[in-house]
């Protein structure tokens, strides 16, 4: 099977659809809360409505901050992104995720597309523990040959297995099992596209009930063979 090549317009449309999908529920919740506050017959529900609005606004902000960095241009003033900005956005995202985040990333500048790759890998790792657990994000190696590594494990009290998000392996490789890409799978597909753009080789799987997702420079892989 050949790697699927998307037209730029199709890629943009699917990423926009993904962002809209992520935002529709919290934005709708804000609207519902405001309707309750505007209705004098539901005055007793005002406290709950304010809590709903606050929670939905927090979710919306987190998702928008992430989309701006992981999908969008983010900063047009340069080609590098400071990992402190990556951490800031990651911390905001994990305030609405059920998992906890361990951040083992040095303070460095990453080329823009590598930074986007790292953040998109983080989102996939978060999806491996949907009911809670621990996600660890790490960067090691010298400048220009960094290795990205994510591991995660579910909270044993939740009685939920750690999993590889459905279809992600094929989508990362650019060769989804279904033979096509749609808006539901565009995020891991885009992650794989970023990996190929930056000459990184991605591996994903489970080992001893621990999820792993890594990206290593192809030159380092070839040198080790």
Protein backbone atom coordinates (compact mmCIF):
# COMPACT_ATOMS: atom_id res chain seq x y z
CA UNK A 1 0.00 0.00 0.00
CA UNK A 2 1.28 3.46 -0.91
CA UNK A 3 1.36 6.39 1.50
CA UNK A 4 -1.74 8.53 1.01
CA UNK A 5 -1.05 12.02 -0.31
CA UNK A 6 -3.66 14.64 0.53
CA UNK A 7 -4.21 17.86 -1.38
CA UNK A 8 -3.39 20.93 0.70
CA UNK A 9 -7.04 22.01 0.53
CA UNK A 10 -8.23 18.62 1.80
CA UNK A 11 -5.71 18.62 4.65
CA UNK A 12 -6.72 22.14 5.67
CA UNK A 13 -10.42 21.26 5.50
CA UNK A 14 -10.02 18.15 7.64
CA UNK A 15 -7.92 19.92 10.25
CA UNK A 16 -10.52 22.70 10.43
CA UNK A 17 -13.20 20.06 10.86
CA UNK A 18 -11.19 18.48 13.66
CA UNK A 19 -10.88 21.81 15.49
CA UNK A 20 -14.61 22.46 15.07
CA UNK A 21 -15.39 18.98 16.41
CA UNK A 22 -13.25 19.64 19.48
CA UNK A 23 -14.91 22.99 20.16
CA UNK A 24 -18.56 22.36 19.35
CA UNK A 25 -19.44 20.73 22.69
CA UNK A 26 -17.84 23.29 25.05
CA UNK A 27 -19.07 26.22 22.95
CA UNK A 28 -22.55 24.70 22.96
CA UNK A 29 -22.35 24.30 26.72
CA UNK A 30 -21.52 27.99 27.12
CA UNK A 31 -24.58 28.84 25.04
CA UNK A 32 -26.79 26.57 27.14
CA UNK A 33 -25.49 28.13 30.33
CA UNK A 34 -26.16 31.65 29.08
CA UNK A 35 -29.71 30.66 28.13
CA UNK A 36 -30.32 29.48 31.67
CA UNK A 37 -28.96 32.74 33.11
CA UNK A 38 -31.23 34.73 30.80
CA UNK A 39 -34.33 32.79 31.86
CA UNK A 40 -35.93 34.28 35.03
CA UNK A 41 -37.89 31.05 35.49
CA UNK A 42 -34.65 29.12 36.06
CA UNK A 43 -33.09 31.36 38.69
CA UNK A 44 -32.43 28.37 40.96
CA UNK A 45 -30.19 26.91 38.23
CA UNK A 46 -28.00 30.02 37.98
CA UNK A 47 -25.18 28.63 40.13
CA UNK A 48 -24.95 25.44 38.08
CA UNK A 49 -25.10 27.44 34.85
CA UNK A 50 -22.16 29.61 35.92
CA UNK A 51 -20.13 26.51 36.79
CA UNK A 52 -20.98 25.02 33.40
CA UNK A 53 -19.92 28.19 31.59
CA UNK A 54 -16.63 28.37 33.54
CA UNK A 55 -15.82 24.72 32.84
CA UNK A 56 -16.70 24.98 29.14
CA UNK A 57 -14.68 28.18 28.75
CA UNK A 58 -11.67 26.44 30.30
CA UNK A 59 -12.05 23.52 27.88
CA UNK A 60 -12.43 25.86 24.91
CA UNK A 61 -9.33 27.81 25.82
CA UNK A 62 -7.26 24.66 26.28
CA UNK A 63 -8.34 23.21 22.94
CA UNK A 64 -7.78 26.50 21.10
CA UNK A 65 -4.33 27.01 22.63
CA UNK A 66 -3.39 23.50 21.59
CA UNK A 67 -4.78 23.86 18.06
CA UNK A 68 -2.95 27.16 17.58
CA UNK A 69 0.40 25.56 18.37
CA UNK A 70 -0.07 22.02 17.05
CA UNK A 71 -2.01 22.76 13.86
CA UNK A 72 -1.69 26.47 13.12
CA UNK A 73 1.09 28.88 12.33
CA UNK A 74 1.36 29.74 16.05
CA UNK A 75 4.17 32.26 15.70
CA UNK A 76 4.99 33.90 12.40
CA UNK A 77 8.01 35.74 13.78
CA UNK A 78 10.46 32.86 13.40
CA UNK A 79 11.01 29.27 12.48
CA UNK A 80 11.75 27.94 15.99
CA UNK A 81 9.49 27.36 18.99
CA UNK A 82 10.68 27.47 22.58
CA UNK A 83 9.86 24.29 24.54
CA UNK A 84 8.65 26.54 27.36
CA UNK A 85 5.76 27.49 25.10
CA UNK A 86 5.14 23.81 24.38
CA UNK A 87 5.05 23.13 28.11
CA UNK A 88 2.68 26.02 28.79
CA UNK A 89 0.21 24.74 26.22
CA UNK A 90 0.64 21.13 27.37
CA UNK A 91 -0.09 22.07 30.99
CA UNK A 92 -3.25 23.91 29.94
CA UNK A 93 -4.37 20.91 27.89
CA UNK A 94 -3.83 18.47 30.74
CA UNK A 95 -5.93 20.60 33.05
CA UNK A 96 -8.92 19.25 31.08
CA UNK A 97 -7.51 15.75 30.45
CA UNK A 98 -8.08 12.93 32.93
CA UNK A 99 -4.41 11.91 32.88
CA UNK A 100 -1.50 13.53 34.71
CA UNK A 101 1.51 14.86 32.81
CA UNK A 102 5.17 14.35 33.64
CA UNK A 103 7.26 16.77 31.55
CA UNK A 104 10.89 15.75 31.00
CA UNK A 105 11.81 18.26 28.32
CA UNK A 106 14.88 20.54 28.36
CA UNK A 107 14.63 24.25 27.60
CA UNK A 108 15.56 24.29 23.92
CA UNK A 109 14.40 25.73 20.63
CA UNK A 110 12.78 23.29 18.25
CA UNK A 111 12.20 23.86 14.55
CA UNK A 112 8.53 24.70 14.09
CA UNK A 113 7.51 21.45 12.42
CA UNK A 114 9.35 19.37 15.03
CA UNK A 115 7.56 21.27 17.80
CA UNK A 116 4.24 20.57 16.09
CA UNK A 117 5.18 16.90 15.78
CA UNK A 118 5.97 16.73 19.49
CA UNK A 119 2.68 18.32 20.51
CA UNK A 120 0.63 16.11 18.21
CA UNK A 121 2.40 13.05 19.61
CA UNK A 122 1.44 14.27 23.08
CA UNK A 123 -2.23 14.31 22.10
CA UNK A 124 -2.04 10.72 20.84
CA UNK A 125 -0.35 9.67 24.08
CA UNK A 126 -3.14 11.32 26.08
CA UNK A 127 -5.65 9.27 24.08
CA UNK A 128 -4.00 6.05 25.25
CA UNK A 129 -5.29 6.59 28.80
CA UNK A 130 -8.79 8.01 28.23
CA UNK A 131 -9.98 7.32 31.78
CA UNK A 132 -6.90 8.60 33.56
CA UNK A 133 -3.33 7.65 34.27
CA UNK A 134 0.17 9.03 33.80
CA UNK A 135 1.63 10.41 30.57
CA UNK A 136 5.36 11.10 30.40
CA UNK A 137 6.80 13.34 27.68
CA UNK A 138 10.56 13.39 27.07
CA UNK A 139 13.11 14.87 24.68
CA UNK A 140 16.70 13.64 24.66
CA UNK A 141 19.66 13.98 22.33
CA UNK A 142 21.72 16.76 20.80
CA UNK A 143 20.28 19.69 18.88
CA UNK A 144 19.18 18.59 15.45
CA UNK A 145 19.04 14.92 16.42
CA UNK A 146 16.51 14.99 19.23
CA UNK A 147 14.55 11.89 20.17
CA UNK A 148 10.92 12.30 21.22
CA UNK A 149 9.53 9.73 23.62
CA UNK A 150 6.11 9.35 25.21
CA UNK A 151 4.97 6.65 27.60
CA UNK A 152 1.71 6.24 29.46
CA UNK A 153 -0.01 3.86 31.81
CA UNK A 154 -3.61 3.81 32.98
CA UNK A 155 -4.60 4.39 36.58
CA UNK A 156 -5.02 0.86 38.03
CA UNK A 157 -7.91 2.06 40.19
CA UNK A 158 -9.90 2.88 37.04
CA UNK A 159 -9.71 -0.74 35.86
CA UNK A 160 -9.13 0.49 32.35
CA UNK A 161 -6.43 -0.97 30.14
CA UNK A 162 -3.85 1.25 28.50
CA UNK A 163 -4.52 1.17 24.78
CA UNK A 164 -3.15 2.19 21.40
CA UNK A 165 -5.71 4.67 20.03
CA UNK A 166 -7.76 2.94 17.34
CA UNK A 167 -6.23 3.09 13.87
CA UNK A 168 -3.37 5.35 14.96
CA UNK A 169 -0.55 3.04 13.81
CA UNK A 170 -1.79 2.94 10.22
CA UNK A 171 -2.64 6.64 10.18
CA UNK A 172 0.83 7.56 11.50
CA UNK A 173 2.41 5.55 8.69
CA UNK A 174 0.23 7.28 6.11
CA UNK A 175 -1.36 3.95 5.22
CA UNK A 176 -4.61 3.65 7.21
CA UNK A 177 -6.29 0.27 7.28
CA UNK A 178 -9.45 1.72 5.71
CA UNK A 179 -7.45 2.96 2.73
CA UNK A 180 -8.57 6.57 3.18
CA UNK A 181 -8.36 9.47 5.63
CA UNK A 182 -11.28 11.43 7.01
CA UNK A 183 -11.68 14.13 9.64
CA UNK A 184 -11.87 11.55 12.45
CA UNK A 185 -8.37 10.29 11.68
CA UNK A 186 -6.73 13.47 10.43
CA UNK A 187 -4.87 14.25 13.67
CA UNK A 188 -2.72 11.08 13.79
CA UNK A 189 -2.36 11.24 9.98
CA UNK A 190 -1.10 14.82 10.28
CA UNK A 191 1.30 13.66 13.00
CA UNK A 192 2.75 11.09 10.62
CA UNK A 193 2.99 13.72 7.90
CA UNK A 194 4.98 15.98 10.23
CA UNK A 195 7.28 13.05 11.06
CA UNK A 196 8.00 12.46 7.38
CA UNK A 197 8.55 16.17 6.81
CA UNK A 198 11.15 16.26 9.59
CA UNK A 199 12.81 12.93 8.67
CA UNK A 200 11.72 11.25 11.88
CA UNK A 201 10.77 7.59 12.22
CA UNK A 202 7.77 6.96 14.46
CA UNK A 203 7.03 3.82 16.45
CA UNK A 204 3.91 3.13 18.49
CA UNK A 205 2.71 0.19 20.56
CA UNK A 206 2.30 -1.48 23.93
CA UNK A 207 4.98 -3.19 25.99
CA UNK A 208 4.20 -4.74 29.40
CA UNK A 209 0.91 -2.78 29.51
CA UNK A 210 2.84 0.44 28.93
CA UNK A 211 2.00 2.57 25.91
CA UNK A 212 4.94 4.00 23.99
CA UNK A 213 5.23 6.45 21.12
CA UNK A 214 8.67 7.51 19.87
CA UNK A 215 10.13 9.58 17.07
CA UNK A 216 13.80 9.15 16.18
CA UNK A 217 15.79 10.82 13.38
CA UNK A 218 15.94 8.46 10.40
CA UNK A 219 19.68 9.09 10.11
CA UNK A 220 20.20 7.68 13.61
CA UNK A 221 18.08 4.63 12.76
CA UNK A 222 20.04 4.00 9.57
CA UNK A 223 23.36 4.40 11.37
CA UNK A 224 22.34 1.81 13.96
CA UNK A 225 21.41 -0.78 11.31
